[in-house]
Amino acid sequence: MKKFTVEELISQEKVEARIKELAAQISKDYEGKAVQLVCILKGSIFFTTELAKYITVPVVIDFMQCSSYGADTKSSGVVKLAKDLDEPITGKHVIIIEDIIDSGRTLSHLVKLLGQRQPASLELCTLLDKPERRVVEVPVKYTGFEIPDEFVVGYGLDYDQQMRNLPYIGVVKFES
């Protein structure tokens, strides 16, 4: 692994405050309904559990695992589905929870896949969005933060499976 440092980009306090705001908006939008959160493993687990704690409508959580990164810092463009949902989503209000949207390839693939399963509604929620990296447009309804095109870690995001547990979002600075 290359040598690097991590510089704080978004503080723990800002991340937690924004998650509460997103949860309040979701609660308002789905008042009188239940929502099924689809947590995209592994990176979204921290965001999903924090978000779910503050949503006031009934919540069910299921998990999918897919990737287009591997051990690299840039998307490979090939989406691999490693774990599918445990329960059907037909007729349910589904929100895909993602840690970061970069190229849009993974989410575009998931939206198509889950849309074929006839949910009552299907929305996207991301903690971080890098719009300047977008290759495929995806309709994101709930966005925590737009960030610059930097490689970030923390709050579930990793570099080669490390630093997910940082309580803030940090930018990885590689030593040359």
Protein backbone atom coordinates (compact mmCIF):
# COMPACT_ATOMS: atom_id res chain seq x y z
CA MET A 1 0.00 0.00 0.00
CA LYS A 2 1.28 3.48 -0.89
CA LYS A 3 2.18 5.90 1.92
CA PHE A 4 -0.43 8.58 2.52
CA THR A 5 -1.93 11.07 4.95
CA VAL A 6 -5.58 11.96 5.51
CA GLU A 7 -6.82 15.56 5.72
CA GLU A 8 -10.26 16.27 7.16
CA LEU A 9 -12.74 17.43 4.51
CA ILE A 10 -16.07 17.21 6.39
CA SER A 11 -16.14 17.09 10.19
CA GLN A 12 -17.96 14.46 12.20
CA GLU A 13 -20.35 17.17 13.49
CA LYS A 14 -21.27 18.31 9.95
CA VAL A 15 -21.76 14.72 8.78
CA GLU A 16 -24.05 13.89 11.72
CA ALA A 17 -26.05 17.13 11.35
CA ARG A 18 -26.60 16.52 7.62
CA ILE A 19 -27.70 12.92 8.20
CA LYS A 20 -30.37 14.17 10.63
CA GLU A 21 -31.56 16.67 8.00
CA LEU A 22 -31.79 13.93 5.35
CA ALA A 23 -33.70 11.66 7.76
CA ALA A 24 -36.16 14.48 8.50
CA GLN A 25 -36.75 15.02 4.77
CA ILE A 26 -37.24 11.29 4.13
CA SER A 27 -39.63 11.07 7.11
CA LYS A 28 -41.66 13.96 5.69
CA ASP A 29 -41.67 12.59 2.14
CA TYR A 30 -42.82 9.13 3.27
CA GLU A 31 -45.25 10.17 6.00
CA GLY A 32 -47.87 7.42 6.45
CA LYS A 33 -45.76 4.89 4.54
CA ALA A 34 -42.98 2.44 5.32
CA VAL A 35 -39.61 2.59 3.56
CA GLN A 36 -37.17 -0.12 2.66
CA LEU A 37 -33.59 1.05 2.79
CA VAL A 38 -31.24 -0.88 0.53
CA CYS A 39 -27.78 -0.48 2.01
CA ILE A 40 -25.00 -0.93 -0.53
CA LEU A 41 -22.24 -2.81 1.29
CA LYS A 42 -19.70 -2.28 2.56
CA GLY A 43 -19.22 1.47 2.45
CA SER A 44 -22.81 2.53 3.13
CA ILE A 45 -23.27 0.64 6.40
CA PHE A 46 -22.25 3.54 8.66
CA PHE A 47 -24.44 6.02 6.75
CA THR A 48 -27.42 3.65 6.54
CA THR A 49 -27.52 2.82 10.24
CA GLU A 50 -27.15 6.47 11.29
CA LEU A 51 -29.82 7.58 8.82
CA ALA A 52 -32.25 4.83 9.89
CA LYS A 53 -31.97 5.89 13.56
CA TYR A 54 -33.50 9.28 12.74
CA ILE A 55 -36.18 8.29 10.20
CA THR A 56 -39.55 8.43 11.95
CA VAL A 57 -41.59 6.25 9.56
CA PRO A 58 -41.33 2.44 9.68
CA VAL A 59 -38.01 1.25 8.22
CA VAL A 60 -36.84 -2.10 6.90
CA ILE A 61 -33.18 -2.51 5.94
CA ASP A 62 -31.82 -4.97 3.41
CA PHE A 63 -28.38 -5.25 1.87
CA MET A 64 -26.73 -5.55 -1.52
CA GLN A 65 -23.06 -5.72 -2.28
CA CYS A 66 -21.62 -4.64 -5.57
CA SER A 67 -18.46 -2.92 -6.66
CA SER A 68 -16.70 -1.28 -9.54
CA TYR A 69 -13.51 -0.40 -7.64
CA GLY A 70 -11.68 -3.45 -6.29
CA ALA A 71 -8.43 -2.31 -4.63
CA ASP A 72 -8.05 0.71 -6.90
CA THR A 73 -8.94 4.37 -6.30
CA LYS A 74 -10.87 4.79 -9.57
CA SER A 75 -13.93 2.95 -10.87
CA SER A 76 -13.10 0.05 -13.19
CA GLY A 77 -16.41 0.42 -15.04
CA VAL A 78 -17.29 -3.23 -14.45
CA VAL A 79 -20.09 -3.67 -11.89
CA LYS A 80 -20.00 -6.91 -9.92
CA LEU A 81 -23.00 -8.02 -7.81
CA ALA A 82 -21.68 -10.05 -4.86
CA LYS A 83 -24.84 -10.10 -2.67
CA ASP A 84 -28.46 -9.62 -3.68
CA LEU A 85 -31.42 -8.63 -1.51
CA ASP A 86 -32.86 -11.18 0.90
CA GLU A 87 -36.48 -10.04 0.47
CA PRO A 88 -38.59 -9.03 -2.57
CA ILE A 89 -39.24 -5.29 -3.05
CA THR A 90 -42.38 -5.52 -5.19
CA GLY A 91 -44.84 -2.80 -4.14
CA LYS A 92 -42.46 -1.30 -1.56
CA HIS A 93 -41.08 2.23 -1.27
CA VAL A 94 -37.36 1.64 -1.76
CA ILE A 95 -34.47 4.00 -1.14
CA ILE A 96 -31.03 2.86 -2.29
CA ILE A 97 -28.47 4.12 0.23
CA GLU A 98 -24.99 4.74 -1.16
CA ASP A 99 -21.88 6.14 0.49
CA ILE A 100 -20.64 7.96 -2.61
CA ILE A 101 -21.70 8.44 -6.21
CA ASP A 102 -18.76 8.84 -8.51
CA SER A 103 -19.04 7.69 -12.13
CA GLY A 104 -22.70 6.67 -11.67
CA ARG A 105 -22.13 3.28 -13.29
CA THR A 106 -22.85 1.18 -10.20
CA LEU A 107 -25.99 3.12 -9.28
CA SER A 108 -27.28 3.17 -12.85
CA HIS A 109 -26.91 -0.61 -12.95
CA LEU A 110 -28.69 -1.00 -9.57
CA VAL A 111 -31.55 1.36 -10.48
CA LYS A 112 -32.24 -0.69 -13.63
CA LEU A 113 -31.97 -3.99 -11.75
CA LEU A 114 -34.22 -2.96 -8.85
CA GLY A 115 -36.65 -1.08 -11.09
CA GLN A 116 -37.41 -4.38 -12.87
CA ARG A 117 -38.58 -5.77 -9.52
CA GLN A 118 -41.58 -3.41 -9.50
CA PRO A 119 -41.17 -1.37 -6.30
CA ALA A 120 -43.90 1.20 -5.55
CA SER A 121 -41.15 3.83 -5.73
CA LEU A 122 -37.38 3.81 -6.08
CA GLU A 123 -35.13 6.69 -4.98
CA LEU A 124 -31.42 7.25 -4.40
CA CYS A 125 -29.80 8.68 -1.29
CA THR A 126 -26.07 9.30 -1.07
CA LEU A 127 -23.86 10.70 1.63
CA LEU A 128 -21.37 12.06 -0.91
CA ASP A 129 -21.69 13.06 -4.54
CA LYS A 130 -18.87 13.79 -7.01
CA PRO A 131 -20.84 15.23 -9.95
CA GLU A 132 -17.75 16.17 -11.96
CA ARG A 133 -16.80 12.46 -12.18
CA ARG A 134 -20.19 11.41 -13.58
CA VAL A 135 -20.08 9.21 -16.66
CA VAL A 136 -23.69 7.95 -16.36
CA GLU A 137 -26.40 10.27 -15.02
CA VAL A 138 -28.42 8.93 -12.10
CA PRO A 139 -31.40 10.64 -10.44
CA VAL A 140 -30.29 11.34 -6.85
CA LYS A 141 -33.15 12.57 -4.64
CA TYR A 142 -31.24 12.90 -1.35
CA THR A 143 -27.64 14.14 -1.25
CA GLY A 144 -25.60 14.74 1.87
CA PHE A 145 -22.67 16.66 0.39
CA GLU A 146 -21.27 17.46 -3.03
CA ILE A 147 -17.51 17.06 -2.90
CA PRO A 148 -14.60 17.77 -5.24
CA ASP A 149 -12.90 15.05 -7.25
CA GLU A 150 -10.69 13.77 -4.43
CA PHE A 151 -10.22 10.25 -3.09
CA VAL A 152 -12.02 10.21 0.27
CA VAL A 153 -12.20 7.87 3.25
CA GLY A 154 -14.02 7.68 6.56
CA TYR A 155 -17.61 7.19 7.65
CA GLY A 156 -17.67 3.88 5.82
CA LEU A 157 -15.53 4.82 2.83
CA ASP A 158 -12.24 2.98 2.57
CA TYR A 159 -8.88 2.77 0.91
CA ASP A 160 -8.17 -0.93 0.36
CA GLN A 161 -10.56 -1.86 3.23
CA GLN A 162 -8.91 0.54 5.69
CA MET A 163 -10.08 3.74 7.42
CA ARG A 164 -13.82 3.05 7.18
CA ASN A 165 -14.03 3.74 10.91
CA LEU A 166 -12.87 7.37 10.76
CA PRO A 167 -15.73 9.45 12.21
CA TYR A 168 -15.31 12.17 9.56
CA ILE A 169 -14.77 12.39 5.80
CA GLY A 170 -11.10 12.81 4.90
CA VAL A 171 -9.14 13.30 1.69
CA VAL A 172 -6.34 10.83 1.05
CA LYS A 173 -3.09 12.54 0.09
CA PHE A 174 -0.59 10.08 -1.37
CA GLU A 175 3.13 10.66 -0.87
CA SER A 176 5.12 10.74 -4.11
